Amino acid sequence: QKLPTVNKNDLMHNLPHFLSRNMSRRAGMKTFT
């Protein structure tokens, strides 16, 4: 409850900031809504 809500626009405009630094990009599967 101390954390902010986020919406689609937040993620679309700042996508790299919402990716974990500890995971390789190869671990991710690029997907689209």
All heavy atoms as atom14 arrays in JSON, in Angstrom:
{
  "sequence": "QKLPTVNKNDLMHNLPHFLSRNMSRRAGMKTFT",
  "atom14_mask": [
    [1, 1, 1, 1, 1, 1, 1, 1, 1, 0, 0, 0, 0, 0],
    [1, 1, 1, 1, 1, 1, 1, 1, 1, 0, 0, 0, 0, 0],
    [1, 1, 1, 1, 1, 1, 1, 1, 0, 0, 0, 0, 0, 0],
    [1, 1, 1, 1, 1, 1, 1, 0, 0, 0, 0, 0, 0, 0],
    [1, 1, 1, 1, 1, 1, 1, 0, 0, 0, 0, 0, 0, 0],
    [1, 1, 1, 1, 1, 1, 1, 0, 0, 0, 0, 0, 0, 0],
    [1, 1, 1, 1, 1, 1, 1, 1, 0, 0, 0, 0, 0, 0],
    [1, 1, 1, 1, 1, 1, 1, 1, 1, 0, 0, 0, 0, 0],
    [1, 1, 1, 1, 1, 1, 1, 1, 0, 0, 0, 0, 0, 0],
    [1, 1, 1, 1, 1, 1, 1, 1, 0, 0, 0, 0, 0, 0],
    [1, 1, 1, 1, 1, 1, 1, 1, 0, 0, 0, 0, 0, 0],
    [1, 1, 1, 1, 1, 1, 1, 1, 0, 0, 0, 0, 0, 0],
    [1, 1, 1, 1, 1, 1, 1, 1, 1, 1, 0, 0, 0, 0],
    [1, 1, 1, 1, 1, 1, 1, 1, 0, 0, 0, 0, 0, 0],
    [1, 1, 1, 1, 1, 1, 1, 1, 0, 0, 0, 0, 0, 0],
    [1, 1, 1, 1, 1, 1, 1, 0, 0, 0, 0, 0, 0, 0],
    [1, 1, 1, 1, 1, 1, 1, 1, 1, 1, 0, 0, 0, 0],
    [1, 1, 1, 1, 1, 1, 1, 1, 1, 1, 1, 0, 0, 0],
    [1, 1, 1, 1, 1, 1, 1, 1, 0, 0, 0, 0, 0, 0],
    [1, 1, 1, 1, 1, 1, 0, 0, 0, 0, 0, 0, 0, 0],
    [1, 1, 1, 1, 1, 1, 1, 1, 1, 1, 1, 0, 0, 0],
    [1, 1, 1, 1, 1, 1, 1, 1, 0, 0, 0, 0, 0, 0],
    [1, 1, 1, 1, 1, 1, 1, 1, 0, 0, 0, 0, 0, 0],
    [1, 1, 1, 1, 1, 1, 0, 0, 0, 0, 0, 0, 0, 0],
    [1, 1, 1, 1, 1, 1, 1, 1, 1, 1, 1, 0, 0, 0],
    [1, 1, 1, 1, 1, 1, 1, 1, 1, 1, 1, 0, 0, 0],
    [1, 1, 1, 1, 1, 0, 0, 0, 0, 0, 0, 0, 0, 0],
    [1, 1, 1, 1, 0, 0, 0, 0, 0, 0, 0, 0, 0, 0],
    [1, 1, 1, 1, 1, 1, 1, 1, 0, 0, 0, 0, 0, 0],
    [1, 1, 1, 1, 1, 1, 1, 1, 1, 0, 0, 0, 0, 0],
    [1, 1, 1, 1, 1, 1, 1, 0, 0, 0, 0, 0, 0, 0],
    [1, 1, 1, 1, 1, 1, 1, 1, 1, 1, 1, 0, 0, 0],
    [1, 1, 1, 1, 1, 1, 1, 0, 0, 0, 0, 0, 0, 0]
  ],
  "atom14_positions": [
    [[0.81, -1.22, 0.0], [0.0, 0.0, 0.0], [0.85, 1.27, 0.0], [0.33, 2.36, -0.29], [-0.93, 0.0, 1.21], [-1.98, -1.1, 1.2], [-2.9, -1.01, -0.01], [-3.35, 0.08, -0.37], [-3.18, -2.13, -0.64], [0.0, 0.0, 0.0], [0.0, 0.0, 0.0], [0.0, 0.0, 0.0], [0.0, 0.0, 0.0], [0.0, 0.0, 0.0]],
    [[2.12, 1.16, 0.31], [3.02, 2.31, 0.28], [3.56, 2.6, -1.11], [4.18, 3.64, -1.34], [4.19, 2.08, 1.23], [3.82, 2.04, 2.71], [3.41, 3.42, 3.2], [3.09, 3.42, 4.68], [2.73, 4.77, 5.18], [0.0, 0.0, 0.0], [0.0, 0.0, 0.0], [0.0, 0.0, 0.0], [0.0, 0.0, 0.0], [0.0, 0.0, 0.0]],
    [[3.31, 1.67, -2.04], [3.85, 1.83, -3.39], [2.79, 2.44, -4.31], [1.59, 2.28, -4.1], [4.29, 0.46, -3.93], [5.32, -0.29, -3.09], [5.66, -1.63, -3.73], [6.58, 0.54, -2.9], [0.0, 0.0, 0.0], [0.0, 0.0, 0.0], [0.0, 0.0, 0.0], [0.0, 0.0, 0.0], [0.0, 0.0, 0.0], [0.0, 0.0, 0.0]],
    [[3.24, 3.14, -5.35], [2.28, 3.78, -6.26], [1.65, 2.77, -7.21], [2.21, 1.71, -7.48], [3.15, 4.78, -7.02], [4.5, 4.13, -7.05], [4.64, 3.42, -5.72], [0.0, 0.0, 0.0], [0.0, 0.0, 0.0], [0.0, 0.0, 0.0], [0.0, 0.0, 0.0], [0.0, 0.0, 0.0], [0.0, 0.0, 0.0], [0.0, 0.0, 0.0]],
    [[0.49, 3.13, -7.71], [-0.07, 2.36, -8.82], [0.61, 2.79, -10.11], [1.13, 3.91, -10.22], [-1.59, 2.58, -8.95], [-1.85, 3.96, -9.19], [-2.32, 2.14, -7.68], [0.0, 0.0, 0.0], [0.0, 0.0, 0.0], [0.0, 0.0, 0.0], [0.0, 0.0, 0.0], [0.0, 0.0, 0.0], [0.0, 0.0, 0.0], [0.0, 0.0, 0.0]],
    [[0.64, 1.9, -11.09], [1.19, 2.22, -12.41], [0.17, 1.82, -13.46], [-0.64, 0.92, -13.26], [2.54, 1.5, -12.68], [3.59, 1.94, -11.67], [2.35, -0.02, -12.64], [0.0, 0.0, 0.0], [0.0, 0.0, 0.0], [0.0, 0.0, 0.0], [0.0, 0.0, 0.0], [0.0, 0.0, 0.0], [0.0, 0.0, 0.0], [0.0, 0.0, 0.0]],
    [[0.22, 2.5, -14.59], [-0.7, 2.17, -15.67], [0.09, 1.87, -16.95], [1.33, 1.9, -16.96], [-1.72, 3.28, -15.89], [-1.06, 4.62, -16.21], [-0.01, 4.69, -16.84], [-1.69, 5.71, -15.77], [0.0, 0.0, 0.0], [0.0, 0.0, 0.0], [0.0, 0.0, 0.0], [0.0, 0.0, 0.0], [0.0, 0.0, 0.0], [0.0, 0.0, 0.0]],
    [[-0.64, 1.61, -18.0], [-0.01, 1.24, -19.26], [0.93, 2.34, -19.77], [2.03, 2.05, -20.25], [-1.09, 0.93, -20.3], [-0.55, 0.5, -21.65], [-1.67, 0.2, -22.63], [-2.41, -1.05, -22.27], [-3.37, -1.45, -23.34], [0.0, 0.0, 0.0], [0.0, 0.0, 0.0], [0.0, 0.0, 0.0], [0.0, 0.0, 0.0], [0.0, 0.0, 0.0]],
    [[0.52, 3.6, -19.66], [1.35, 4.69, -20.14], [2.67, 4.79, -19.38], [3.72, 5.08, -19.96], [0.6, 6.02, -20.06], [-0.45, 6.16, -21.13], [-0.34, 5.57, -22.2], [-1.5, 6.93, -20.85], [0.0, 0.0, 0.0], [0.0, 0.0, 0.0], [0.0, 0.0, 0.0], [0.0, 0.0, 0.0], [0.0, 0.0, 0.0], [0.0, 0.0, 0.0]],
    [[2.63, 4.55, -18.07], [3.86, 4.57, -17.28], [4.87, 3.56, -17.82], [6.07, 3.85, -17.95], [3.56, 4.24, -15.81], [2.68, 5.28, -15.15], [2.79, 6.47, -15.52], [1.88, 4.91, -14.28], [0.0, 0.0, 0.0], [0.0, 0.0, 0.0], [0.0, 0.0, 0.0], [0.0, 0.0, 0.0], [0.0, 0.0, 0.0], [0.0, 0.0, 0.0]],
    [[4.37, 2.37, -18.12], [5.26, 1.31, -18.6], [5.73, 1.56, -20.03], [6.89, 1.31, -20.37], [4.55, -0.04, -18.5], [4.05, -0.45, -17.11], [3.4, -1.82, -17.16], [5.17, -0.43, -16.1], [0.0, 0.0, 0.0], [0.0, 0.0, 0.0], [0.0, 0.0, 0.0], [0.0, 0.0, 0.0], [0.0, 0.0, 0.0], [0.0, 0.0, 0.0]],
    [[4.84, 2.06, -20.86], [5.2, 2.29, -22.26], [6.31, 3.33, -22.39], [7.19, 3.2, -23.23], [3.97, 2.75, -23.05], [2.93, 1.67, -23.29], [1.4, 2.31, -24.03], [2.02, 2.92, -25.6], [0.0, 0.0, 0.0], [0.0, 0.0, 0.0], [0.0, 0.0, 0.0], [0.0, 0.0, 0.0], [0.0, 0.0, 0.0], [0.0, 0.0, 0.0]],
    [[6.26, 4.37, -21.56], [7.21, 5.47, -21.7], [8.49, 5.28, -20.89], [9.44, 6.05, -21.05], [6.54, 6.79, -21.29], [5.4, 7.17, -22.18], [4.15, 7.52, -21.7], [5.3, 7.23, -23.54], [3.34, 7.8, -22.72], [4.02, 7.63, -23.84], [0.0, 0.0, 0.0], [0.0, 0.0, 0.0], [0.0, 0.0, 0.0], [0.0, 0.0, 0.0]],
    [[8.51, 4.28, -20.01], [9.7, 4.06, -19.17], [10.02, 2.58, -19.03], [10.43, 2.12, -17.97], [9.46, 4.66, -17.77], [9.18, 6.14, -17.8], [10.08, 6.95, -17.94], [7.9, 6.49, -17.67], [0.0, 0.0, 0.0], [0.0, 0.0, 0.0], [0.0, 0.0, 0.0], [0.0, 0.0, 0.0], [0.0, 0.0, 0.0], [0.0, 0.0, 0.0]],
    [[9.83, 1.82, -20.11], [9.96, 0.37, -20.03], [11.27, -0.11, -19.4], [11.25, -0.97, -18.51], [9.78, -0.24, -21.42], [9.86, -1.77, -21.47], [8.76, -2.4, -20.65], [9.77, -2.26, -22.92], [0.0, 0.0, 0.0], [0.0, 0.0, 0.0], [0.0, 0.0, 0.0], [0.0, 0.0, 0.0], [0.0, 0.0, 0.0], [0.0, 0.0, 0.0]],
    [[12.47, 0.42, -19.78], [13.71, -0.1, -19.19], [13.76, 0.03, -17.67], [14.4, -0.8, -16.99], [14.8, 0.76, -19.85], [14.18, 1.24, -21.13], [12.73, 1.44, -20.81], [0.0, 0.0, 0.0], [0.0, 0.0, 0.0], [0.0, 0.0, 0.0], [0.0, 0.0, 0.0], [0.0, 0.0, 0.0], [0.0, 0.0, 0.0], [0.0, 0.0, 0.0]],
    [[13.09, 1.04, -17.11], [13.12, 1.24, -15.66], [12.29, 0.21, -14.91], [12.43, 0.07, -13.69], [12.61, 2.65, -15.33], [13.5, 3.75, -15.83], [14.67, 4.12, -15.21], [13.4, 4.53, -16.94], [15.24, 5.1, -15.88], [14.5, 5.36, -16.94], [0.0, 0.0, 0.0], [0.0, 0.0, 0.0], [0.0, 0.0, 0.0], [0.0, 0.0, 0.0]],
    [[11.43, -0.52, -15.62], [10.59, -1.52, -14.98], [11.1, -2.95, -15.19], [10.41, -3.91, -14.85], [9.15, -1.39, -15.47], [8.45, -0.17, -14.95], [8.47, 1.02, -15.67], [7.8, -0.19, -13.72], [7.85, 2.16, -15.18], [7.17, 0.94, -13.23], [7.2, 2.12, -13.95], [0.0, 0.0, 0.0], [0.0, 0.0, 0.0], [0.0, 0.0, 0.0]],
    [[12.31, -3.07, -15.74], [12.93, -4.38, -15.93], [13.96, -4.62, -14.84], [14.7, -3.72, -14.45], [13.61, -4.46, -17.3], [12.7, -4.25, -18.52], [13.52, -4.28, -19.8], [11.6, -5.3, -18.56], [0.0, 0.0, 0.0], [0.0, 0.0, 0.0], [0.0, 0.0, 0.0], [0.0, 0.0, 0.0], [0.0, 0.0, 0.0], [0.0, 0.0, 0.0]],
    [[14.04, -5.84, -14.35], [14.99, -6.18, -13.28], [16.42, -6.12, -13.8], [16.73, -6.65, -14.87], [14.69, -7.57, -12.74], [15.71, -7.98, -11.85], [0.0, 0.0, 0.0], [0.0, 0.0, 0.0], [0.0, 0.0, 0.0], [0.0, 0.0, 0.0], [0.0, 0.0, 0.0], [0.0, 0.0, 0.0], [0.0, 0.0, 0.0], [0.0, 0.0, 0.0]],
    [[17.29, -5.48, -13.02], [18.71, -5.45, -13.37], [19.37, -6.81, -13.24], [20.42, -7.06, -13.83], [19.45, -4.46, -12.45], [19.07, -3.0, -12.6], [20.0, -2.14, -11.77], [19.95, -2.52, -10.37], [19.28, -1.87, -9.43], [18.6, -0.78, -9.76], [19.29, -2.29, -8.18], [0.0, 0.0, 0.0], [0.0, 0.0, 0.0], [0.0, 0.0, 0.0]],
    [[18.78, -7.68, -12.45], [19.39, -8.98, -12.15], [18.99, -10.09, -13.11], [19.33, -11.24, -12.89], [19.03, -9.41, -10.72], [19.73, -8.57, -9.67], [20.19, -7.47, -9.94], [19.83, -9.09, -8.45], [0.0, 0.0, 0.0], [0.0, 0.0, 0.0], [0.0, 0.0, 0.0], [0.0, 0.0, 0.0], [0.0, 0.0, 0.0], [0.0, 0.0, 0.0]],
    [[18.24, -9.75, -14.14], [17.81, -10.76, -15.11], [18.32, -10.4, -16.49], [18.21, -9.24, -16.93], [16.28, -10.86, -15.14], [15.66, -11.32, -13.83], [16.13, -13.01, -13.36], [15.26, -13.95, -14.6], [0.0, 0.0, 0.0], [0.0, 0.0, 0.0], [0.0, 0.0, 0.0], [0.0, 0.0, 0.0], [0.0, 0.0, 0.0], [0.0, 0.0, 0.0]],
    [[18.86, -11.38, -17.18], [19.31, -11.18, -18.54], [18.13, -10.95, -19.47], [17.04, -11.5, -19.25], [20.1, -12.41, -19.01], [20.26, -12.42, -20.41], [0.0, 0.0, 0.0], [0.0, 0.0, 0.0], [0.0, 0.0, 0.0], [0.0, 0.0, 0.0], [0.0, 0.0, 0.0], [0.0, 0.0, 0.0], [0.0, 0.0, 0.0], [0.0, 0.0, 0.0]],
    [[18.34, -10.13, -20.5], [17.27, -9.93, -21.49], [16.88, -11.24, -22.16], [15.75, -11.4, -22.62], [17.73, -8.92, -22.54], [17.8, -7.49, -22.04], [16.42, -6.95, -21.7], [16.48, -5.59, -21.18], [16.39, -4.52, -21.93], [16.26, -4.65, -23.24], [16.44, -3.31, -21.39], [0.0, 0.0, 0.0], [0.0, 0.0, 0.0], [0.0, 0.0, 0.0]],
    [[17.8, -12.2, -22.21], [17.48, -13.49, -22.81], [16.46, -14.26, -21.98], [15.8, -15.18, -22.49], [18.75, -14.33, -22.97], [19.7, -13.8, -24.03], [20.94, -14.66, -24.14], [21.71, -14.65, -22.88], [22.82, -15.34, -22.67], [23.28, -16.13, -23.64], [23.46, -15.27, -21.53], [0.0, 0.0, 0.0], [0.0, 0.0, 0.0], [0.0, 0.0, 0.0]],
    [[16.31, -13.88, -20.7], [15.31, -14.53, -19.85], [13.92, -13.99, -20.1], [12.93, -14.55, -19.63], [15.68, -14.35, -18.38], [0.0, 0.0, 0.0], [0.0, 0.0, 0.0], [0.0, 0.0, 0.0], [0.0, 0.0, 0.0], [0.0, 0.0, 0.0], [0.0, 0.0, 0.0], [0.0, 0.0, 0.0], [0.0, 0.0, 0.0], [0.0, 0.0, 0.0]],
    [[13.83, -12.88, -20.85], [12.54, -12.27, -21.1], [11.97, -12.65, -22.46], [12.71, -12.85, -23.43], [0.0, 0.0, 0.0], [0.0, 0.0, 0.0], [0.0, 0.0, 0.0], [0.0, 0.0, 0.0], [0.0, 0.0, 0.0], [0.0, 0.0, 0.0], [0.0, 0.0, 0.0], [0.0, 0.0, 0.0], [0.0, 0.0, 0.0], [0.0, 0.0, 0.0]],
    [[10.68, -12.73, -22.54], [9.97, -12.99, -23.8], [9.2, -11.74, -24.17], [8.24, -11.36, -23.49], [9.03, -14.19, -23.65], [8.16, -14.43, -24.89], [7.1, -15.9, -24.74], [8.32, -17.19, -24.94], [0.0, 0.0, 0.0], [0.0, 0.0, 0.0], [0.0, 0.0, 0.0], [0.0, 0.0, 0.0], [0.0, 0.0, 0.0], [0.0, 0.0, 0.0]],
    [[9.6, -11.08, -25.24], [8.94, -9.86, -25.67], [7.51, -10.18, -26.1], [7.27, -11.08, -26.89], [9.7, -9.22, -26.81], [9.16, -7.86, -27.24], [9.9, -7.3, -28.45], [11.36, -7.01, -28.13], [12.04, -6.35, -29.29], [0.0, 0.0, 0.0], [0.0, 0.0, 0.0], [0.0, 0.0, 0.0], [0.0, 0.0, 0.0], [0.0, 0.0, 0.0]],
    [[6.57, -9.41, -25.54], [5.15, -9.67, -25.76], [4.43, -8.35, -25.95], [4.92, -7.31, -25.52], [4.57, -10.43, -24.55], [5.41, -11.53, -24.21], [3.18, -10.96, -24.85], [0.0, 0.0, 0.0], [0.0, 0.0, 0.0], [0.0, 0.0, 0.0], [0.0, 0.0, 0.0], [0.0, 0.0, 0.0], [0.0, 0.0, 0.0], [0.0, 0.0, 0.0]],
    [[3.28, -8.41, -26.59], [2.47, -7.21, -26.81], [1.05, -7.46, -26.35], [0.52, -8.57, -26.53], [2.46, -6.82, -28.3], [3.81, -6.41, -28.83], [4.72, -7.37, -29.28], [4.17, -5.07, -28.87], [5.96, -6.99, -29.77], [5.41, -4.69, -29.35], [6.31, -5.65, -29.8], [0.0, 0.0, 0.0], [0.0, 0.0, 0.0], [0.0, 0.0, 0.0]],
    [[0.45, -6.44, -25.76], [-0.96, -6.53, -25.44], [-1.75, -6.48, -26.74], [-1.26, -6.08, -27.78], [-1.43, -5.37, -24.54], [-1.21, -4.14, -25.24], [-0.65, -5.35, -23.24], [0.0, 0.0, 0.0], [0.0, 0.0, 0.0], [0.0, 0.0, 0.0], [0.0, 0.0, 0.0], [0.0, 0.0, 0.0], [0.0, 0.0, 0.0], [0.0, 0.0, 0.0]]
  ]
}
